[in-house]
Amino acid sequence: MTILIRGGTVVNADRAFRADVLTEGGKIVAVGENLEAPAHATVVDAGGQYVMPGGIDPHTHMQLPFMGTVTADDFYTGTAAGLAGGTTTIIDFVIPDPKQRLMDAFHTWRGWAEKAAADYTFHVAVTWWDDSVHEDMGTLVKEHGVNSFKHFMAYKNAIMADDETLVKSFRRALELGAIPTVHAENGELVYQLQRELVAKGIRGPEAHPLSRPPEVEAEAANRAIAIAGVLGTPVYIVHVSCAESLEAITRARARGQRVYGEALAGHLVIDDSVYRHPDPEVARAYVMSPPFRSSHHQTALWQGLQGGNLHTTATDHCTFCAGQKAMGADDFTRIPNGCGGVEERMAVVWDAGVNTGRLTPSEFVRITSTNAAQIFNIYPRKGSVSVGADADIVVWDPHGTRTLSAATQHSKGDFNVFEGRTVRGIPTHTVAAGKLVYANGDLRAERGAGRYVERPAFGTTP
């Protein structure tokens, strides 16, 4: 398919300029003024709109088996929802069971993802350690294009990595030219606080944030940063939710340490009052980890994005329906953790960021696409509207509005954490791998059209 996007303002992370964009064979082949459309081209009128790199969501969980159930969105429905919101690439997570070979888990996830409608790639979690993990990390980097490894410092008695595992895995990642990523929460503290709350009879969703206060997250973030600092490896902290974790990242970066931080769209605009909703079914729907925080933490996260100490925005898209969340109706520790957002992320960040003056359009592109592409070494193939880049493009109407709702979302979840929020600034067209997959509300996602994206080790040429 050949597509000419005509009359828009191209916005990259470094600048904005008026230009037409021509795509052919899945690549951008020309960017410039007054481009001629081949006779067979599909023409998209982008007059009065922005033309930006397709979004990259660096943190999703499609088809995830977790806490005794499986997420509602699989790789097709989840990526299709992302396309409707302007996200053209996801980085999902392979999460081996304790004692499971990393390669076995990786092949399982690759099989599940074959139905994806958009491009995808993987972080691989290290949930335990022995010689086979050391070996498989090498195979994944050298043969399968994996350059990031995830470490859960939470979820005791399940997938939590202890300090020995962190040290050995961080060191191995450094040897291989890969970057460790961490879910920073002190799992032992969380476990003890959960037990105490249940013993006191505090068993509803209001107990969830009480069991995971900001200090629990900050301790783990400081510890991960310290370990990375001693070993000399970079580190990426996922879903930073509180001022204290941001302070740890900011201090380390001021010392010259390579630490990167990720903020979730939900953590930027939702506060912890949701856990006190009078309807427990609604309150349970917001249970995710780390939890939503009080409003001053949201202010801090925006400052982190503005100041360059937080680098990416993600969703942690992990959809569980009401019946699944009800598994924890009598015990909050049994509520499957996770919320949606892959379709809404870009519009929420634009509305709360650009429309308020917190972000410029170029800064928006940086934190929704380009930084993720650079940190995970797929730039400029992704994250740039430039000749030779993948034809992953979103045409963005800064004046268009939409009211977000579970009733109209494309995700298969039955709840929307942004329910009722009206956003100004929405995608009108999404191009993925050179195909027009979303046009003015018409989603044309194709099962299996997504491609696996290999990410070279650092120090090599993409």
Protein backbone atom coordinates (compact mmCIF):
# COMPACT_ATOMS: atom_id res chain seq x y z
CA MET A 1 0.00 0.00 0.00
CA THR A 2 1.18 3.52 -0.86
CA ILE A 3 -0.08 6.35 1.33
CA LEU A 4 0.39 10.10 0.99
CA ILE A 5 -0.34 12.10 4.13
CA ARG A 6 -0.81 15.61 2.84
CA GLY A 7 -0.90 19.06 4.39
CA GLY A 8 -0.05 18.33 8.00
CA THR A 9 2.59 19.47 10.46
CA VAL A 10 5.16 16.76 11.11
CA VAL A 11 6.14 16.60 14.77
CA ASN A 12 9.28 14.74 15.79
CA ALA A 13 11.03 14.81 19.14
CA ASP A 14 13.40 17.54 17.97
CA ARG A 15 11.23 19.83 15.86
CA ALA A 16 7.92 20.46 14.08
CA PHE A 17 7.62 21.48 10.42
CA ARG A 18 5.10 21.55 7.60
CA ALA A 19 5.52 18.58 5.26
CA ASP A 20 3.78 15.83 3.37
CA VAL A 21 4.74 12.22 4.14
CA LEU A 22 4.84 9.43 1.54
CA THR A 23 4.95 5.78 2.58
CA GLU A 24 5.46 2.72 0.44
CA GLY A 25 6.24 -0.91 1.17
CA GLY A 26 5.94 -0.38 4.92
CA LYS A 27 8.55 2.41 5.02
CA ILE A 28 8.56 6.18 4.88
CA VAL A 29 10.08 7.04 1.51
CA ALA A 30 9.72 10.83 1.38
CA VAL A 31 9.10 13.74 3.74
CA GLY A 32 8.77 17.17 2.21
CA GLU A 33 6.51 19.88 0.88
CA ASN A 34 4.22 19.43 -2.13
CA LEU A 35 4.93 15.74 -2.67
CA GLU A 36 3.23 14.16 -5.66
CA ALA A 37 0.88 11.26 -5.00
CA PRO A 38 1.30 8.21 -7.24
CA ALA A 39 -1.89 7.31 -9.09
CA HIS A 40 -2.51 4.28 -6.88
CA ALA A 41 -1.83 6.05 -3.57
CA THR A 42 -4.32 6.46 -0.75
CA VAL A 43 -4.36 10.15 0.17
CA VAL A 44 -4.96 11.25 3.78
CA ASP A 45 -5.81 14.91 4.27
CA ALA A 46 -3.94 16.05 7.38
CA GLY A 47 -4.73 19.74 7.03
CA GLY A 48 -4.82 21.40 10.45
CA GLN A 49 -3.46 18.25 12.10
CA TYR A 50 -0.17 16.91 13.40
CA VAL A 51 1.64 13.96 11.82
CA MET A 52 3.61 12.11 14.49
CA PRO A 53 5.47 8.82 15.00
CA GLY A 54 3.17 6.02 16.06
CA GLY A 55 3.10 5.56 19.80
CA ILE A 56 5.27 2.97 21.53
CA ASP A 57 3.84 1.55 24.74
CA PRO A 58 6.86 0.05 26.52
CA HIS A 59 4.81 -1.75 29.19
CA THR A 60 1.87 -4.03 28.37
CA HIS A 61 0.64 -7.46 29.47
CA MET A 62 -1.46 -9.15 26.80
CA GLN A 63 -2.82 -12.65 27.42
CA LEU A 64 -1.00 -12.73 30.77
CA PRO A 65 -1.62 -15.67 33.11
CA PHE A 66 -1.59 -14.01 36.54
CA MET A 67 -3.03 -14.62 40.00
CA GLY A 68 -5.04 -17.63 38.87
CA THR A 69 -6.60 -16.14 35.76
CA VAL A 70 -5.71 -14.71 32.32
CA THR A 71 -6.12 -11.14 31.10
CA ALA A 72 -9.15 -10.37 28.94
CA ASP A 73 -7.12 -8.86 26.09
CA ASP A 74 -5.00 -11.18 24.00
CA PHE A 75 -2.35 -9.98 21.58
CA TYR A 76 -4.90 -9.33 18.84
CA THR A 77 -7.54 -7.43 20.80
CA GLY A 78 -4.96 -5.53 22.84
CA THR A 79 -2.88 -4.38 19.89
CA ALA A 80 -6.01 -3.55 17.89
CA ALA A 81 -7.15 -1.30 20.73
CA GLY A 82 -3.72 0.30 20.72
CA LEU A 83 -3.99 1.07 16.99
CA ALA A 84 -7.30 2.85 17.59
CA GLY A 85 -5.47 5.11 20.03
CA GLY A 86 -2.40 5.76 17.88
CA THR A 87 -0.06 3.17 19.43
CA THR A 88 1.65 1.10 16.74
CA THR A 89 4.22 -0.87 18.79
CA ILE A 90 4.09 -2.53 22.19
CA ILE A 91 6.80 -3.99 24.38
CA ASP A 92 5.20 -6.83 26.28
CA PHE A 93 6.65 -9.15 28.94
CA VAL A 94 7.65 -12.78 28.87
CA ILE A 95 7.28 -13.93 32.49
CA PRO A 96 8.63 -17.42 33.19
CA ASP A 97 7.29 -19.40 36.09
CA PRO A 98 9.78 -20.04 38.90
CA LYS A 99 12.27 -22.67 37.68
CA GLN A 100 10.98 -22.45 34.09
CA ARG A 101 13.61 -22.04 31.37
CA LEU A 102 13.58 -18.54 29.91
CA MET A 103 13.69 -19.91 26.38
CA ASP A 104 10.65 -22.12 26.96
CA ALA A 105 8.63 -19.15 28.21
CA PHE A 106 9.87 -16.96 25.36
CA HIS A 107 8.70 -19.43 22.74
CA THR A 108 5.30 -19.68 24.43
CA TRP A 109 4.83 -15.90 24.33
CA ARG A 110 6.05 -15.73 20.73
CA GLY A 111 3.35 -18.21 19.82
CA TRP A 112 0.64 -16.24 21.60
CA ALA A 113 1.75 -13.03 19.89
CA GLU A 114 1.49 -14.35 16.35
CA LYS A 115 -2.08 -13.00 16.24
CA ALA A 116 -0.98 -9.41 17.03
CA ALA A 117 -2.35 -6.63 14.83
CA ALA A 118 0.56 -4.28 15.55
CA ASP A 119 4.31 -4.68 15.92
CA TYR A 120 5.53 -6.13 19.20
CA THR A 121 8.69 -7.01 21.04
CA PHE A 122 9.48 -8.37 24.51
CA HIS A 123 11.19 -7.74 27.78
CA VAL A 124 11.98 -11.11 29.39
CA ALA A 125 11.61 -11.45 33.15
CA VAL A 126 14.25 -13.08 35.31
CA THR A 127 12.29 -14.66 38.16
CA TRP A 128 14.95 -17.07 39.46
CA TRP A 129 18.60 -17.93 38.88
CA ASP A 130 20.79 -20.81 37.89
CA ASP A 131 23.24 -21.54 35.08
CA SER A 132 20.42 -22.06 32.59
CA VAL A 133 19.17 -18.49 33.14
CA HIS A 134 22.70 -17.19 32.48
CA GLU A 135 22.81 -19.23 29.28
CA ASP A 136 19.32 -18.31 28.09
CA MET A 137 19.93 -14.59 28.59
CA GLY A 138 22.81 -14.90 26.14
CA THR A 139 20.70 -16.79 23.62
CA LEU A 140 17.90 -14.25 23.85
CA VAL A 141 20.21 -11.31 23.23
CA LYS A 142 22.38 -12.86 20.54
CA GLU A 143 19.78 -14.86 18.59
CA HIS A 144 16.36 -13.34 19.31
CA GLY A 145 16.84 -9.60 19.57
CA VAL A 146 15.97 -9.20 23.25
CA ASN A 147 17.91 -6.39 24.94
CA SER A 148 15.99 -5.87 28.19
CA PHE A 149 15.30 -8.09 31.19
CA LYS A 150 12.58 -7.46 33.78
CA HIS A 151 12.93 -7.98 37.53
CA PHE A 152 9.97 -8.03 39.91
CA MET A 153 11.04 -6.88 43.36
CA ALA A 154 7.45 -7.57 44.49
CA TYR A 155 5.10 -10.61 44.54
CA LYS A 156 6.72 -12.69 47.27
CA ASN A 157 6.29 -16.46 46.93
CA ALA A 158 5.60 -16.06 43.21
CA ILE A 159 7.87 -14.17 40.79
CA MET A 160 9.86 -11.93 43.14
CA ALA A 161 13.59 -11.74 42.42
CA ASP A 162 15.79 -11.64 45.51
CA ASP A 163 18.95 -9.54 45.75
CA GLU A 164 21.21 -12.40 44.64
CA THR A 165 19.14 -12.78 41.48
CA LEU A 166 19.22 -9.03 40.88
CA VAL A 167 22.99 -8.84 41.20
CA LYS A 168 23.67 -11.83 38.96
CA SER A 169 21.12 -10.81 36.34
CA PHE A 170 22.21 -7.15 36.27
CA ARG A 171 25.83 -8.24 35.81
CA ARG A 172 24.91 -10.65 33.02
CA ALA A 173 22.81 -7.98 31.27
CA LEU A 174 25.79 -5.62 31.32
CA GLU A 175 28.02 -8.30 29.77
CA LEU A 176 25.50 -8.81 26.98
CA GLY A 177 24.73 -5.16 26.22
CA ALA A 178 21.19 -5.40 27.62
CA ILE A 179 19.36 -3.16 30.08
CA PRO A 180 17.74 -4.40 33.31
CA THR A 181 14.26 -3.09 34.11
CA VAL A 182 12.68 -3.32 37.56
CA HIS A 183 9.26 -3.29 39.18
CA ALA A 184 10.31 -1.46 42.32
CA GLU A 185 8.34 -2.49 45.40
CA ASN A 186 9.77 -4.19 48.49
CA GLY A 187 7.97 -7.51 48.25
CA GLU A 188 8.72 -8.56 51.84
CA LEU A 189 7.26 -5.34 53.23
CA VAL A 190 4.18 -5.62 51.03
CA TYR A 191 3.63 -9.20 52.16
CA GLN A 192 3.88 -8.31 55.85
CA LEU A 193 1.63 -5.27 55.52
CA GLN A 194 -0.96 -7.34 53.64
CA ARG A 195 -1.00 -9.95 56.41
CA GLU A 196 -1.41 -7.30 59.09
CA LEU A 197 -4.30 -5.60 57.31
CA VAL A 198 -6.14 -8.89 56.73
CA ALA A 199 -5.63 -9.81 60.40
CA LYS A 200 -7.23 -6.50 61.40
CA GLY A 201 -10.24 -7.25 59.23
CA ILE A 202 -9.38 -4.62 56.61
CA ARG A 203 -10.03 -6.81 53.60
CA GLY A 204 -11.56 -4.56 50.93
CA PRO A 205 -9.86 -2.68 48.07
CA GLU A 206 -9.26 0.30 50.36
CA ALA A 207 -6.51 -1.81 51.93
CA HIS A 208 -4.59 -2.14 48.68
CA PRO A 209 -2.81 1.27 48.80
CA LEU A 210 -2.29 0.87 52.56
CA SER A 211 -0.27 -2.29 51.88
CA ARG A 212 1.90 -0.55 49.28
CA PRO A 213 2.74 2.95 50.60
CA PRO A 214 5.22 5.16 48.73
CA GLU A 215 8.06 4.18 51.09
CA VAL A 216 7.76 0.56 49.91
CA GLU A 217 8.29 1.63 46.32
CA ALA A 218 11.04 4.12 47.15
CA GLU A 219 13.07 1.58 49.12
CA ALA A 220 13.09 -0.83 46.20
CA ALA A 221 13.90 1.91 43.68
CA ASN A 222 16.84 3.07 45.81
CA ARG A 223 18.05 -0.52 46.18
CA ALA A 224 17.85 -1.28 42.46
CA ILE A 225 19.62 1.97 41.62
CA ALA A 226 22.35 1.23 44.18
CA ILE A 227 22.94 -2.27 42.81
CA ALA A 228 23.08 -0.92 39.26
CA GLY A 229 25.45 1.82 40.36
CA VAL A 230 27.89 -0.58 41.98
CA LEU A 231 27.87 -2.85 38.92
CA GLY A 232 27.98 0.01 36.41
CA THR A 233 24.88 -1.05 34.52
CA PRO A 234 22.07 1.23 33.35
CA VAL A 235 18.64 0.55 34.85
CA TYR A 236 15.06 1.36 33.85
CA ILE A 237 12.44 1.76 36.59
CA VAL A 238 8.95 0.86 35.37
CA HIS A 239 5.71 2.54 36.49
CA VAL A 240 7.20 5.15 38.83
CA SER A 241 4.18 6.25 40.86
CA CYS A 242 5.42 8.43 43.71
CA ALA A 243 7.54 11.47 44.46
CA GLU A 244 9.95 9.43 46.59
CA SER A 245 10.89 7.08 43.73
CA LEU A 246 11.29 10.02 41.39
CA GLU A 247 13.62 11.65 43.93
CA ALA A 248 15.79 8.51 43.93
CA ILE A 249 16.00 8.59 40.14
CA THR A 250 16.74 12.32 40.10
CA ARG A 251 19.56 11.99 42.66
CA ALA A 252 21.15 9.15 40.73
CA ARG A 253 20.96 10.99 37.42
CA ALA A 254 22.51 14.07 39.03
CA ARG A 255 25.48 11.83 39.91
CA GLY A 256 25.77 10.80 36.28
CA GLN A 257 24.19 7.37 36.68
CA ARG A 258 22.20 6.02 33.73
CA VAL A 259 18.77 5.59 35.28
CA TYR A 260 15.57 5.85 33.27
CA GLY A 261 12.04 6.23 34.60
CA GLU A 262 8.61 5.35 33.21
CA ALA A 263 5.27 6.90 34.19
CA LEU A 264 1.87 5.37 33.55
CA ALA A 265 -0.92 7.46 32.04
CA GLY A 266 -3.18 6.37 34.89
CA HIS A 267 -0.76 7.47 37.59
CA LEU A 268 -0.63 10.92 35.97
CA VAL A 269 -4.36 11.66 36.26
CA ILE A 270 -6.04 9.26 38.73
CA ASP A 271 -5.77 9.56 42.52
CA ASP A 272 -6.23 7.11 45.37
CA SER A 273 -9.82 8.14 46.15
CA VAL A 274 -10.89 5.46 43.66
CA TYR A 275 -10.18 2.77 46.28
CA ARG A 276 -12.83 4.31 48.53
CA HIS A 277 -15.57 4.23 45.90
CA PRO A 278 -18.88 3.19 47.49
CA ASP A 279 -19.30 0.38 44.97
CA PRO A 280 -16.67 -2.26 45.82
CA GLU A 281 -16.82 -3.63 42.27
CA VAL A 282 -15.67 -0.25 40.95
CA ALA A 283 -13.01 0.08 43.65
CA ARG A 284 -11.64 -3.38 42.81
CA ALA A 285 -11.38 -2.42 39.14
CA TYR A 286 -8.66 0.11 40.02
CA VAL A 287 -6.44 -2.37 41.87
CA MET A 288 -3.03 -2.39 40.25
CA SER A 289 0.52 -2.20 41.59
CA PRO A 290 1.89 0.25 42.43
CA PRO A 291 -1.50 1.71 43.37
CA PHE A 292 -2.86 5.08 42.39
CA ARG A 293 -1.53 7.77 44.72
CA SER A 294 -2.66 11.04 46.26
CA SER A 295 -2.64 14.12 44.05
CA HIS A 296 0.74 15.56 45.07
CA HIS A 297 2.43 12.51 43.56
CA GLN A 298 0.77 13.25 40.21
CA THR A 299 2.23 16.76 40.32
CA ALA A 300 5.67 15.27 40.98
CA LEU A 301 5.37 12.84 38.05
CA TRP A 302 4.51 15.64 35.65
CA GLN A 303 7.52 17.56 36.93
CA GLY A 304 9.64 14.47 36.31
CA LEU A 305 8.47 14.30 32.69
CA GLN A 306 9.02 18.02 32.20
CA GLY A 307 12.47 17.96 33.79
CA GLY A 308 13.74 14.92 31.91
CA ASN A 309 14.06 12.56 34.88
CA LEU A 310 11.11 10.48 33.69
CA HIS A 311 11.45 9.44 30.07
CA THR A 312 8.54 7.34 28.86
CA THR A 313 4.81 6.96 29.33
CA ALA A 314 3.20 3.54 29.35
CA THR A 315 0.01 1.83 30.52
CA ASP A 316 0.85 -1.51 32.16
CA HIS A 317 -2.20 -2.60 30.13
CA CYS A 318 -3.41 -5.69 31.97
CA THR A 319 -7.17 -6.09 31.71
CA PHE A 320 -9.22 -8.15 34.14
CA CYS A 321 -13.01 -8.11 34.06
CA ALA A 322 -15.36 -7.69 37.01
CA GLY A 323 -15.84 -11.43 37.48
CA GLN A 324 -12.09 -11.93 37.66
CA LYS A 325 -11.61 -9.03 40.08
CA ALA A 326 -14.37 -10.56 42.25
CA MET A 327 -11.95 -13.38 43.11
CA GLY A 328 -10.77 -10.95 45.79
CA ALA A 329 -14.18 -9.81 47.01
CA ASP A 330 -13.43 -11.02 50.53
CA ASP A 331 -9.64 -10.58 50.47
CA PHE A 332 -7.97 -7.71 48.63
CA THR A 333 -4.75 -9.71 48.26
CA ARG A 334 -6.57 -12.01 45.83
CA ILE A 335 -7.77 -9.26 43.47
CA PRO A 336 -5.94 -9.72 40.16
CA ASN A 337 -3.71 -6.65 39.76
CA GLY A 338 -4.12 -4.72 36.55
CA CYS A 339 -5.91 -1.99 34.58
CA GLY A 340 -6.30 -1.12 30.90
CA GLY A 341 -5.28 1.97 28.96
CA VAL A 342 -3.40 1.06 25.77
CA GLU A 343 -6.07 2.78 23.65
CA GLU A 344 -6.36 5.86 25.85
CA ARG A 345 -2.74 6.60 26.80
CA MET A 346 -1.83 9.05 24.06
CA ALA A 347 -5.04 11.08 24.26
CA VAL A 348 -4.86 11.26 28.06
CA VAL A 349 -1.23 12.39 28.03
CA TRP A 350 -1.92 14.96 25.30
CA ASP A 351 -4.99 16.32 27.07
CA ALA A 352 -3.41 16.51 30.52
CA GLY A 353 0.05 17.44 29.21
CA VAL A 354 -0.04 19.50 26.03
CA ASN A 355 -3.41 21.17 26.62
CA THR A 356 -2.30 22.37 30.06
CA GLY A 357 1.03 23.73 28.83
CA ARG A 358 3.05 21.10 30.70
CA LEU A 359 4.36 19.64 27.43
CA THR A 360 5.07 20.88 23.92
CA PRO A 361 4.00 18.67 21.00
CA SER A 362 7.63 17.63 20.48
CA GLU A 363 7.96 16.72 24.17
CA PHE A 364 4.78 14.68 23.81
CA VAL A 365 6.33 12.73 20.93
CA ARG A 366 9.46 12.23 23.00
CA ILE A 367 7.65 10.63 25.96
CA THR A 368 5.10 8.62 23.97
CA SER A 369 7.41 7.23 21.28
CA THR A 370 10.94 8.46 20.64
CA ASN A 371 12.48 7.95 24.08
CA ALA A 372 11.22 4.38 24.24
CA ALA A 373 12.67 3.71 20.78
CA GLN A 374 16.03 5.14 21.84
CA ILE A 375 16.22 3.50 25.28
CA PHE A 376 15.38 0.09 23.83
CA ASN A 377 17.52 0.55 20.70
CA ILE A 378 15.02 0.56 17.85
CA TYR A 379 15.50 4.21 16.85
CA PRO A 380 15.22 5.58 14.16
CA ARG A 381 13.36 2.57 12.77
CA LYS A 382 10.68 3.49 15.32
CA GLY A 383 9.96 6.82 16.99
CA SER A 384 10.64 9.10 14.04
CA VAL A 385 8.83 10.44 10.99
CA SER A 386 11.83 10.33 8.68
CA VAL A 387 12.92 8.68 5.45
CA GLY A 388 13.78 5.02 6.03
CA ALA A 389 11.76 4.68 9.24
CA ASP A 390 8.92 2.20 9.54
CA ALA A 391 5.66 3.67 8.27
CA ASP A 392 4.13 3.81 11.75
CA ILE A 393 2.37 7.15 11.89
CA VAL A 394 -0.51 8.78 13.74
CA VAL A 395 -2.40 11.75 12.34
CA TRP A 396 -3.52 13.81 15.32
CA ASP A 397 -6.36 16.29 15.53
CA PRO A 398 -5.53 18.67 18.41
CA HIS A 399 -9.10 19.98 18.45
CA GLY A 400 -10.96 16.68 18.21
CA THR A 401 -12.68 15.42 21.34
CA ARG A 402 -13.74 12.06 22.69
CA THR A 403 -15.33 10.90 25.93
CA LEU A 404 -13.54 7.78 27.15
CA SER A 405 -15.76 4.89 28.19
CA ALA A 406 -15.90 1.13 28.49
CA ALA A 407 -18.96 1.28 26.25
CA THR A 408 -16.96 2.54 23.28
CA GLN A 409 -13.44 1.17 23.89
CA HIS A 410 -11.96 -1.54 21.68
CA SER A 411 -10.32 -3.37 24.57
CA LYS A 412 -12.14 -6.50 25.74
CA GLY A 413 -12.01 -5.34 29.35
CA ASP A 414 -15.36 -4.36 30.84
CA PHE A 415 -14.08 -1.29 32.71
CA ASN A 416 -12.27 1.90 31.75
CA VAL A 417 -10.18 3.61 34.43
CA PHE A 418 -10.67 6.90 32.57
CA GLU A 419 -14.46 6.45 32.40
CA GLY A 420 -16.27 9.68 31.57
CA ARG A 421 -13.11 11.73 30.96
CA THR A 422 -13.46 13.95 27.88
CA VAL A 423 -10.14 14.49 26.12
CA ARG A 424 -9.25 17.09 23.52
CA GLY A 425 -6.65 15.84 21.06
CA ILE A 426 -7.31 12.47 19.40
CA PRO A 427 -6.03 10.36 16.50
CA THR A 428 -7.96 10.54 13.25
CA HIS A 429 -5.77 8.11 11.30
CA THR A 430 -3.23 5.46 12.25
CA VAL A 431 -0.79 3.93 9.79
CA ALA A 432 1.02 0.77 10.91
CA ALA A 433 3.67 -0.95 8.81
CA GLY A 434 2.48 1.10 5.86
CA LYS A 435 -1.21 0.14 6.12
CA LEU A 436 -4.06 2.46 7.03
CA VAL A 437 -5.44 0.61 10.05
CA TYR A 438 -7.61 3.31 11.64
CA ALA A 439 -9.49 6.10 9.88
CA ASN A 440 -11.99 8.43 11.54
CA GLY A 441 -13.36 5.81 13.90
CA ASP A 442 -13.10 2.88 11.49
CA LEU A 443 -10.71 0.29 12.94
CA ARG A 444 -9.23 -1.96 10.26
CA ALA A 445 -6.90 -4.08 12.38
CA GLU A 446 -5.77 -7.36 10.84
CA ARG A 447 -5.12 -10.43 12.96
CA GLY A 448 -1.50 -11.49 12.53
CA ALA A 449 -0.36 -8.33 10.72
CA GLY A 450 1.99 -7.37 13.55
CA ARG A 451 5.68 -8.18 13.26
CA TYR A 452 8.14 -9.25 15.92
CA VAL A 453 10.73 -6.51 16.31
CA GLU A 454 14.26 -7.55 17.17
CA ARG A 455 16.16 -5.05 19.31
CA PRO A 456 19.96 -5.21 18.96
CA ALA A 457 22.22 -5.28 21.97
CA PHE A 458 23.64 -1.92 22.95
CA GLY A 459 26.92 -1.13 21.27
CA THR A 460 25.74 -2.70 18.01
CA THR A 461 24.22 -1.03 14.97
CA PRO A 462 20.40 -1.37 14.63
